[in-house]
Amino acid sequence: LQMTAHITGNYPDGCTGLGTVTQERVENIITITVETTRPADMMCTQALVPFAENVSVDIHGLLAGEYSVIVNGVEATFTLDSDNVLP
């Protein structure tokens, strides 16, 4: 099985973009941290810029059960009905 998290929000200006995305799993909690990047000393529009990104969630090796995904403090849950392991 594969899973993606659909992440939406607003960049604070026209120069900010998606930066590093990291994941960490502790027991049944997957924490995804999305960082942004912005060039230094650049003139930028000062308007919110909507964004939508799909981020692959590493669920390989998870056993059946309920899990939480937390992306920059926003939490959602999902349930695996069967083990996600290769035979």
C-alpha atoms as a PDB file:
ATOM      1  CA  LEU A   1       0.000   0.000   0.000  1.00  0.00           C
ATOM      2  CA  GLN A   2       1.021   3.581  -0.583  1.00  0.00           C
ATOM      3  CA  MET A   3      -0.295   6.762   0.994  1.00  0.00           C
ATOM      4  CA  THR A   4      -0.007  10.489   0.349  1.00  0.00           C
ATOM      5  CA  ALA A   5      -0.892  13.453   2.520  1.00  0.00           C
ATOM      6  CA  HIS A   6      -2.551  16.327   0.665  1.00  0.00           C
ATOM      7  CA  ILE A   7      -1.178  19.488   2.275  1.00  0.00           C
ATOM      8  CA  THR A   8      -2.699  22.910   1.615  1.00  0.00           C
ATOM      9  CA  GLY A   9      -2.040  26.352   2.955  1.00  0.00           C
ATOM     10  CA  ASN A  10      -0.714  29.784   2.076  1.00  0.00           C
ATOM     11  CA  TYR A  11       2.815  31.022   1.595  1.00  0.00           C
ATOM     12  CA  PRO A  12       3.217  34.427   3.244  1.00  0.00           C
ATOM     13  CA  ASP A  13       4.546  36.097   0.079  1.00  0.00           C
ATOM     14  CA  GLY A  14       5.418  35.561  -3.574  1.00  0.00           C
ATOM     15  CA  CYS A  15       9.002  34.424  -2.919  1.00  0.00           C
ATOM     16  CA  THR A  16       8.389  31.683  -0.358  1.00  0.00           C
ATOM     17  CA  GLY A  17       8.232  28.102  -1.577  1.00  0.00           C
ATOM     18  CA  LEU A  18       8.325  24.517  -0.399  1.00  0.00           C
ATOM     19  CA  GLY A  19      11.547  23.552   1.359  1.00  0.00           C
ATOM     20  CA  THR A  20      12.579  20.408   3.169  1.00  0.00           C
ATOM     21  CA  VAL A  21       9.969  17.771   4.089  1.00  0.00           C
ATOM     22  CA  THR A  22      10.944  15.279   6.807  1.00  0.00           C
ATOM     23  CA  GLN A  23       9.116  12.365   8.435  1.00  0.00           C
ATOM     24  CA  GLU A  24       9.517  10.613  11.752  1.00  0.00           C
ATOM     25  CA  ARG A  25       7.524   7.685  13.133  1.00  0.00           C
ATOM     26  CA  VAL A  26       7.246   6.894  16.826  1.00  0.00           C
ATOM     27  CA  GLU A  27       4.910   3.983  17.534  1.00  0.00           C
ATOM     28  CA  ASN A  28       1.573   4.860  15.861  1.00  0.00           C
ATOM     29  CA  ILE A  29       2.322   8.545  15.241  1.00  0.00           C
ATOM     30  CA  ILE A  30       3.857   9.779  11.987  1.00  0.00           C
ATOM     31  CA  THR A  31       5.095  13.361  12.216  1.00  0.00           C
ATOM     32  CA  ILE A  32       5.733  15.241   8.988  1.00  0.00           C
ATOM     33  CA  THR A  33       7.527  18.571   9.143  1.00  0.00           C
ATOM     34  CA  VAL A  34       7.208  20.843   6.122  1.00  0.00           C
ATOM     35  CA  GLU A  35       9.662  23.725   5.963  1.00  0.00           C
ATOM     36  CA  THR A  36       9.602  26.655   3.581  1.00  0.00           C
ATOM     37  CA  THR A  37      12.408  28.458   1.854  1.00  0.00           C
ATOM     38  CA  ARG A  38      12.726  32.111   0.861  1.00  0.00           C
ATOM     39  CA  PRO A  39      15.625  33.845  -0.880  1.00  0.00           C
ATOM     40  CA  ALA A  40      17.328  36.449   1.298  1.00  0.00           C
ATOM     41  CA  ASP A  41      17.256  40.125   0.304  1.00  0.00           C
ATOM     42  CA  MET A  42      14.654  39.684  -2.430  1.00  0.00           C
ATOM     43  CA  MET A  43      11.757  42.026  -3.184  1.00  0.00           C
ATOM     44  CA  CYS A  44       8.558  39.995  -2.982  1.00  0.00           C
ATOM     45  CA  THR A  45       4.838  40.547  -3.329  1.00  0.00           C
ATOM     46  CA  GLN A  46       3.284  40.795   0.125  1.00  0.00           C
ATOM     47  CA  ALA A  47       0.205  38.745  -0.672  1.00  0.00           C
ATOM     48  CA  LEU A  48      -0.692  35.259   0.513  1.00  0.00           C
ATOM     49  CA  VAL A  49      -0.010  32.639  -2.163  1.00  0.00           C
ATOM     50  CA  PRO A  50      -2.113  29.462  -1.902  1.00  0.00           C
ATOM     51  CA  PHE A  51      -0.360  26.131  -2.331  1.00  0.00           C
ATOM     52  CA  ALA A  52      -1.284  22.454  -2.468  1.00  0.00           C
ATOM     53  CA  GLU A  53       1.285  19.649  -2.280  1.00  0.00           C
ATOM     54  CA  ASN A  54       1.053  15.877  -2.134  1.00  0.00           C
ATOM     55  CA  VAL A  55       3.638  14.313   0.174  1.00  0.00           C
ATOM     56  CA  SER A  56       4.317  10.565   0.170  1.00  0.00           C
ATOM     57  CA  VAL A  57       3.855   9.069   3.632  1.00  0.00           C
ATOM     58  CA  ASP A  58       6.148   6.155   4.485  1.00  0.00           C
ATOM     59  CA  ILE A  59       3.801   3.406   5.681  1.00  0.00           C
ATOM     60  CA  HIS A  60       5.947   0.457   4.566  1.00  0.00           C
ATOM     61  CA  GLY A  61       6.204  -2.146   7.286  1.00  0.00           C
ATOM     62  CA  LEU A  62       3.263  -0.901   9.343  1.00  0.00           C
ATOM     63  CA  LEU A  63       0.999  -3.453  10.986  1.00  0.00           C
ATOM     64  CA  ALA A  64      -2.786  -3.256  10.833  1.00  0.00           C
ATOM     65  CA  GLY A  65      -4.150  -0.633  13.213  1.00  0.00           C
ATOM     66  CA  GLU A  66      -4.960   3.031  13.708  1.00  0.00           C
ATOM     67  CA  TYR A  67      -2.329   5.684  13.084  1.00  0.00           C
ATOM     68  CA  SER A  68      -2.057   9.450  13.454  1.00  0.00           C
ATOM     69  CA  VAL A  69      -0.350  11.731  10.960  1.00  0.00           C
ATOM     70  CA  ILE A  70       0.662  15.160  12.203  1.00  0.00           C
ATOM     71  CA  VAL A  71       1.743  17.736   9.619  1.00  0.00           C
ATOM     72  CA  ASN A  72       3.107  20.946  11.167  1.00  0.00           C
ATOM     73  CA  GLY A  73       0.732  20.514  14.102  1.00  0.00           C
ATOM     74  CA  VAL A  74      -2.388  19.492  12.142  1.00  0.00           C
ATOM     75  CA  GLU A  75      -3.482  15.937  12.960  1.00  0.00           C
ATOM     76  CA  ALA A  76      -5.471  13.331  11.032  1.00  0.00           C
ATOM     77  CA  THR A  77      -5.940   9.606  11.587  1.00  0.00           C
ATOM     78  CA  PHE A  78      -6.143   6.604   9.305  1.00  0.00           C
ATOM     79  CA  THR A  79      -6.659   2.876   9.754  1.00  0.00           C
ATOM     80  CA  LEU A  80      -4.783   0.061   8.037  1.00  0.00           C
ATOM     81  CA  ASP A  81      -7.105  -2.922   7.744  1.00  0.00           C
ATOM     82  CA  SER A  82      -4.199  -5.290   7.025  1.00  0.00           C
ATOM     83  CA  ASP A  83      -0.455  -5.399   7.600  1.00  0.00           C
ATOM     84  CA  ASN A  84       1.548  -3.420   5.043  1.00  0.00           C
ATOM     85  CA  VAL A  85       4.524  -5.770   4.839  1.00  0.00           C
ATOM     86  CA  LEU A  86       5.943  -7.753   1.967  1.00  0.00           C
ATOM     87  CA  PRO A  87       5.650 -11.544   2.324  1.00  0.00           C
END
